Amino acid sequence: MKTSKYVLTISSFDVDIVFRSDAAQVLKLIPSAMESGLGGLYSITNDVSAKHAFDVEVKPGGRIDIYQNGELKYVENDLNSAMSRIEACVRLTVAEFAVGKVFIHSGAVAWKGKGIIFPARSFNGKSTLTAALVRQGARYFSDEYAIIDDRARLHPFPKDISLRDTDGTYDQVDHPVRSIGGRVGKRPVPVKLIVLTRFEKNAKWRPKRISEGQAVLGVLNNAVGIRRDPSFVLPVLTNLSKSAIAIKSKRGDADNTAEQIIQIVESLDN
């Protein structure tokens, strides 16, 4: 790597990340990328010796090399692709190393102050279900990570919502939540419902309540920091499973499922 002329450091959830580049235009794009990729939940700091580092080299001909913590990770051919790659990598870094919070791969919304999470990995339809709930009036918290504290509260992580194209490519396209008529959650809410579900064509929605132990296992499979810090993550997830009702079912149509999830939440005691 060459010595970088331009440096910028951000902090998000107490994770400090320094960006270095030989091209000024790269660092000028970092704030807008963090607005969409971190939901604006970051600040710019003066810590140039941050533990986590991304170095971006723009080569003659337009090739862009992306180094993460000194190791060449990605090679892109245009700046937009490079920024999308950096945005995703930063988000995962924050999710893994966040202080005092557990990040869970999950859609997350709130209905009348009650948090709803549906843990799942990619290609299980969590963004589609998130969007369906938001269109029906739920507050948007995230379509990628449910952020849980040690009081079983859900925190906002309002990155742009990523919906897959229906043209056969299944490429993800990011949309501001307001573009689908949504409103963003502003403050933490208690999680009241955990939904373990995945999309299957023509599947029937037949939710069954599951035990606290089954809920912990279902959420644990999607917890980002479990390998790095199990002594913190496990108690948080155990508390979460005690504080919320958990149900499980395959699902088909997202809009129909969203309606029925809202009915379940409406029936819960405060």
Protein backbone atom coordinates (compact mmCIF):
# COMPACT_ATOMS: atom_id res chain seq x y z
CA MET A 1 0.00 0.00 0.00
CA LYS A 2 1.09 3.53 -0.70
CA THR A 3 1.16 6.19 1.98
CA SER A 4 -2.25 7.85 1.95
CA LYS A 5 -2.64 11.59 1.70
CA TYR A 6 -6.27 11.78 2.85
CA VAL A 7 -7.59 10.39 6.15
CA LEU A 8 -11.03 10.30 7.77
CA THR A 9 -12.14 8.47 10.93
CA ILE A 10 -15.68 7.64 12.01
CA SER A 11 -17.15 6.10 15.16
CA SER A 12 -20.36 4.06 15.30
CA PHE A 13 -21.57 2.12 18.36
CA ASP A 14 -18.14 2.78 19.89
CA VAL A 15 -16.38 1.16 16.93
CA ASP A 16 -13.73 3.46 15.46
CA ILE A 17 -12.85 3.03 11.78
CA VAL A 18 -10.23 4.99 9.86
CA PHE A 19 -10.38 5.46 6.08
CA ARG A 20 -7.24 6.32 4.14
CA SER A 21 -6.84 7.03 0.45
CA ASP A 22 -4.61 8.67 -2.09
CA ALA A 23 -7.71 10.09 -3.82
CA ALA A 24 -9.66 12.96 -2.29
CA GLN A 25 -12.89 11.94 -4.03
CA VAL A 26 -12.96 8.65 -2.12
CA LEU A 27 -13.10 10.28 1.30
CA LYS A 28 -15.59 12.87 0.11
CA LEU A 29 -18.03 10.02 -0.52
CA ILE A 30 -17.59 8.35 2.88
CA PRO A 31 -20.13 10.50 4.81
CA SER A 32 -22.94 9.88 2.31
CA ALA A 33 -22.13 6.16 2.30
CA MET A 34 -22.34 6.09 6.10
CA GLU A 35 -25.64 7.96 6.03
CA SER A 36 -27.24 5.24 3.93
CA GLY A 37 -25.25 2.25 5.21
CA LEU A 38 -25.33 3.05 8.94
CA GLY A 39 -28.57 4.98 8.98
CA GLY A 40 -26.60 8.09 9.88
CA LEU A 41 -25.60 6.56 13.24
CA TYR A 42 -21.98 7.66 13.20
CA SER A 43 -19.78 10.59 14.09
CA ILE A 44 -16.51 11.88 12.65
CA THR A 45 -13.59 11.73 15.08
CA ASN A 46 -9.92 12.66 15.19
CA ASP A 47 -8.60 9.17 16.03
CA VAL A 48 -6.29 8.36 13.12
CA SER A 49 -4.99 5.25 14.93
CA ALA A 50 -8.33 3.43 15.04
CA LYS A 51 -8.20 -0.34 15.36
CA HIS A 52 -10.18 -0.91 12.16
CA ALA A 53 -8.87 0.53 8.90
CA PHE A 54 -9.86 0.67 5.24
CA ASP A 55 -7.28 1.80 2.70
CA VAL A 56 -8.50 2.62 -0.80
CA GLU A 57 -6.09 2.95 -3.72
CA VAL A 58 -7.28 4.30 -7.06
CA LYS A 59 -5.10 2.86 -9.82
CA PRO A 60 -4.48 4.18 -13.35
CA GLY A 61 -7.29 3.04 -15.58
CA GLY A 62 -9.88 3.19 -12.82
CA ARG A 63 -9.10 0.02 -10.87
CA ILE A 64 -9.77 0.44 -7.14
CA ASP A 65 -8.05 -1.72 -4.52
CA ILE A 66 -9.69 -1.99 -1.10
CA TYR A 67 -7.57 -3.07 1.85
CA GLN A 68 -9.11 -4.00 5.18
CA ASN A 69 -6.73 -3.88 8.13
CA GLY A 70 -3.76 -4.06 5.77
CA GLU A 71 -5.00 -6.99 3.67
CA LEU A 72 -6.18 -6.62 0.09
CA LYS A 73 -9.81 -7.71 0.21
CA TYR A 74 -11.54 -6.44 -2.90
CA VAL A 75 -10.80 -5.06 -6.34
CA GLU A 76 -13.48 -2.96 -8.02
CA ASN A 77 -13.64 -1.25 -11.41
CA ASP A 78 -15.60 1.87 -10.52
CA LEU A 79 -16.09 4.16 -7.56
CA ASN A 80 -19.78 3.38 -7.04
CA SER A 81 -19.06 -0.34 -6.71
CA ALA A 82 -16.17 0.39 -4.37
CA MET A 83 -18.32 2.54 -2.11
CA SER A 84 -21.05 -0.11 -2.00
CA ARG A 85 -18.42 -2.67 -1.00
CA ILE A 86 -16.98 -0.39 1.70
CA GLU A 87 -20.44 0.40 3.01
CA ALA A 88 -21.26 -3.29 3.47
CA CYS A 89 -17.89 -4.07 5.07
CA VAL A 90 -18.17 -1.18 7.51
CA ARG A 91 -21.66 -2.27 8.50
CA LEU A 92 -20.45 -5.79 9.26
CA THR A 93 -17.46 -4.47 11.20
CA VAL A 94 -19.72 -2.33 13.36
CA ALA A 95 -22.10 -5.26 13.87
CA GLU A 96 -19.33 -7.56 15.04
CA PHE A 97 -17.46 -5.16 17.34
CA ALA A 98 -20.25 -2.93 18.70
CA VAL A 99 -19.90 -2.21 22.41
CA GLY A 100 -22.82 -3.05 24.70
CA LYS A 101 -25.17 -4.20 21.95
CA VAL A 102 -25.85 -7.46 20.14
CA PHE A 103 -26.40 -7.24 16.38
CA ILE A 104 -28.67 -9.96 14.97
CA HIS A 105 -29.21 -10.62 11.25
CA SER A 106 -32.89 -9.72 11.26
CA GLY A 107 -35.66 -7.53 10.04
CA ALA A 108 -36.89 -5.24 12.79
CA VAL A 109 -39.94 -3.02 13.20
CA ALA A 110 -42.15 -1.69 15.98
CA TRP A 111 -45.92 -1.67 16.20
CA LYS A 112 -47.38 0.77 18.73
CA GLY A 113 -44.20 0.70 20.77
CA LYS A 114 -43.75 -3.09 20.66
CA GLY A 115 -40.63 -4.39 18.95
CA ILE A 116 -40.91 -7.21 16.42
CA ILE A 117 -37.85 -9.01 15.07
CA PHE A 118 -37.60 -11.80 12.51
CA PRO A 119 -34.07 -13.21 12.47
CA ALA A 120 -32.90 -14.65 9.15
CA ARG A 121 -29.99 -14.57 6.75
CA SER A 122 -30.08 -13.32 3.16
CA PHE A 123 -32.52 -14.83 0.65
CA ASN A 124 -35.07 -15.69 3.33
CA GLY A 125 -37.29 -12.71 2.59
CA LYS A 126 -36.67 -10.57 5.67
CA SER A 127 -36.42 -7.27 3.75
CA THR A 128 -39.62 -8.05 1.85
CA LEU A 129 -41.46 -8.79 5.09
CA THR A 130 -39.98 -5.69 6.71
CA ALA A 131 -41.24 -3.56 3.82
CA ALA A 132 -44.70 -5.15 4.01
CA LEU A 133 -44.97 -4.33 7.73
CA VAL A 134 -43.72 -0.78 7.17
CA ARG A 135 -46.28 -0.21 4.42
CA GLN A 136 -48.98 -1.25 6.89
CA GLY A 137 -47.85 1.32 9.42
CA ALA A 138 -45.10 -0.31 11.47
CA ARG A 139 -42.12 1.86 12.40
CA TYR A 140 -38.98 0.88 10.53
CA PHE A 141 -35.94 -0.07 12.62
CA SER A 142 -33.86 -2.11 10.14
CA ASP A 143 -34.06 -4.70 7.38
CA GLU A 144 -30.62 -6.12 8.18
CA TYR A 145 -29.82 -5.98 11.90
CA ALA A 146 -31.90 -6.04 15.04
CA ILE A 147 -29.79 -4.27 17.65
CA ILE A 148 -30.53 -5.53 21.16
CA ASP A 149 -29.27 -4.24 24.50
CA ASP A 150 -29.07 -6.07 27.83
CA ARG A 151 -32.60 -4.91 28.70
CA ALA A 152 -34.06 -6.69 25.66
CA ARG A 153 -34.74 -3.39 23.92
CA LEU A 154 -34.60 -2.93 20.16
CA HIS A 155 -32.57 0.05 18.90
CA PRO A 156 -33.00 1.78 15.53
CA PHE A 157 -30.56 1.02 12.72
CA PRO A 158 -32.37 2.77 9.87
CA LYS A 159 -30.13 2.02 6.89
CA ASP A 160 -31.82 2.31 3.51
CA ILE A 161 -34.06 -0.70 2.93
CA SER A 162 -32.62 -3.18 0.40
CA LEU A 163 -35.18 -4.81 -1.90
CA ARG A 164 -34.31 -7.29 -4.61
CA ASP A 165 -35.13 -6.63 -8.26
CA THR A 166 -37.83 -8.79 -9.77
CA ASP A 167 -36.14 -8.90 -13.19
CA GLY A 168 -34.50 -12.26 -12.53
CA THR A 169 -31.15 -10.85 -11.42
CA TYR A 170 -32.18 -10.55 -7.74
CA ASP A 171 -29.81 -7.62 -7.36
CA GLN A 172 -30.42 -5.55 -4.24
CA VAL A 173 -31.44 -1.93 -4.68
CA ASP A 174 -31.42 0.41 -1.69
CA HIS A 175 -34.45 2.63 -1.09
CA PRO A 176 -35.01 5.35 1.51
CA VAL A 177 -37.78 4.13 3.81
CA ARG A 178 -39.86 7.21 3.07
CA SER A 179 -40.00 6.12 -0.59
CA ILE A 180 -42.34 3.28 0.44
CA GLY A 181 -44.34 5.51 2.78
CA GLY A 182 -42.47 4.39 5.89
CA ARG A 183 -41.58 6.07 9.15
CA VAL A 184 -38.38 5.42 11.07
CA GLY A 185 -38.22 4.45 14.74
CA LYS A 186 -36.43 7.08 16.80
CA ARG A 187 -35.93 5.49 20.23
CA PRO A 188 -35.49 2.02 21.77
CA VAL A 189 -38.56 -0.16 22.31
CA PRO A 190 -38.99 -3.46 24.19
CA VAL A 191 -39.02 -6.55 21.98
CA LYS A 192 -42.35 -8.30 22.38
CA LEU A 193 -42.39 -10.74 19.46
CA ILE A 194 -39.71 -12.92 17.84
CA VAL A 195 -40.78 -14.42 14.52
CA LEU A 196 -38.70 -17.26 13.10
CA THR A 197 -39.83 -17.48 9.50
CA ARG A 198 -38.62 -17.88 5.95
CA PHE A 199 -40.28 -17.46 2.59
CA GLU A 200 -41.37 -20.51 0.62
CA LYS A 201 -43.52 -20.22 -2.46
CA ASN A 202 -47.14 -21.17 -1.70
CA ALA A 203 -46.34 -21.85 1.96
CA LYS A 204 -49.16 -21.43 4.47
CA TRP A 205 -48.69 -19.22 7.51
CA ARG A 206 -49.31 -21.49 10.49
CA PRO A 207 -47.44 -19.97 13.43
CA LYS A 208 -46.76 -22.04 16.52
CA ARG A 209 -45.41 -20.73 19.77
CA ILE A 210 -41.97 -22.12 20.63
CA SER A 211 -40.09 -22.42 23.91
CA GLU A 212 -37.54 -19.98 25.29
CA GLY A 213 -34.77 -22.47 24.51
CA GLN A 214 -35.89 -22.84 20.90
CA ALA A 215 -36.09 -19.06 20.60
CA VAL A 216 -32.53 -18.64 21.90
CA LEU A 217 -31.23 -21.17 19.38
CA GLY A 218 -33.11 -19.54 16.52
CA VAL A 219 -31.74 -16.10 17.35
CA LEU A 220 -28.28 -17.41 18.22
CA ASN A 221 -27.79 -18.72 14.68
CA ASN A 222 -28.08 -15.14 13.45
CA ALA A 223 -26.11 -13.27 16.14
CA VAL A 224 -23.07 -11.60 14.59
CA GLY A 225 -20.77 -11.41 17.63
CA ILE A 226 -21.37 -14.83 19.19
CA ARG A 227 -17.95 -16.24 18.34
CA ARG A 228 -16.07 -13.14 19.41
CA ASP A 229 -17.86 -12.46 22.69
CA PRO A 230 -20.19 -15.31 23.77
CA SER A 231 -20.02 -14.25 27.44
CA PHE A 232 -21.89 -11.05 26.54
CA VAL A 233 -24.06 -12.26 23.68
CA LEU A 234 -25.57 -15.35 25.34
CA PRO A 235 -27.01 -13.56 28.41
CA VAL A 236 -28.50 -10.85 26.18
CA LEU A 237 -30.21 -13.44 23.99
CA THR A 238 -31.41 -15.41 27.00
CA ASN A 239 -32.95 -12.27 28.47
CA LEU A 240 -34.51 -11.49 25.08
CA SER A 241 -36.16 -14.91 24.90
CA LYS A 242 -37.61 -14.45 28.40
CA SER A 243 -39.00 -11.02 27.59
CA ALA A 244 -40.68 -11.80 24.27
CA ILE A 245 -43.05 -14.37 22.83
CA ALA A 246 -41.52 -16.43 20.01
CA ILE A 247 -43.37 -18.06 17.12
CA LYS A 248 -42.26 -20.08 14.12
CA SER A 249 -43.73 -20.76 10.70
CA LYS A 250 -42.92 -20.78 7.01
CA ARG A 251 -44.61 -18.02 5.06
CA GLY A 252 -45.81 -17.20 1.60
CA ASP A 253 -47.18 -13.78 0.67
CA ALA A 254 -45.48 -11.03 2.69
CA ASP A 255 -48.46 -8.68 2.86
CA ASN A 256 -50.77 -11.37 4.21
CA THR A 257 -48.13 -12.46 6.73
CA ALA A 258 -47.59 -8.87 7.84
CA GLU A 259 -51.30 -8.45 8.55
CA GLN A 260 -51.34 -11.55 10.70
CA ILE A 261 -48.18 -10.59 12.58
CA ILE A 262 -49.79 -7.26 13.44
CA GLN A 263 -52.87 -9.10 14.71
CA ILE A 264 -50.64 -11.20 16.98
CA VAL A 265 -48.88 -8.15 18.35
CA GLU A 266 -52.21 -6.40 18.95
CA SER A 267 -53.30 -9.35 21.07
CA LEU A 268 -50.27 -9.20 23.36
CA ASP A 269 -50.51 -7.73 26.83
CA ASN A 270 -48.61 -4.50 27.36
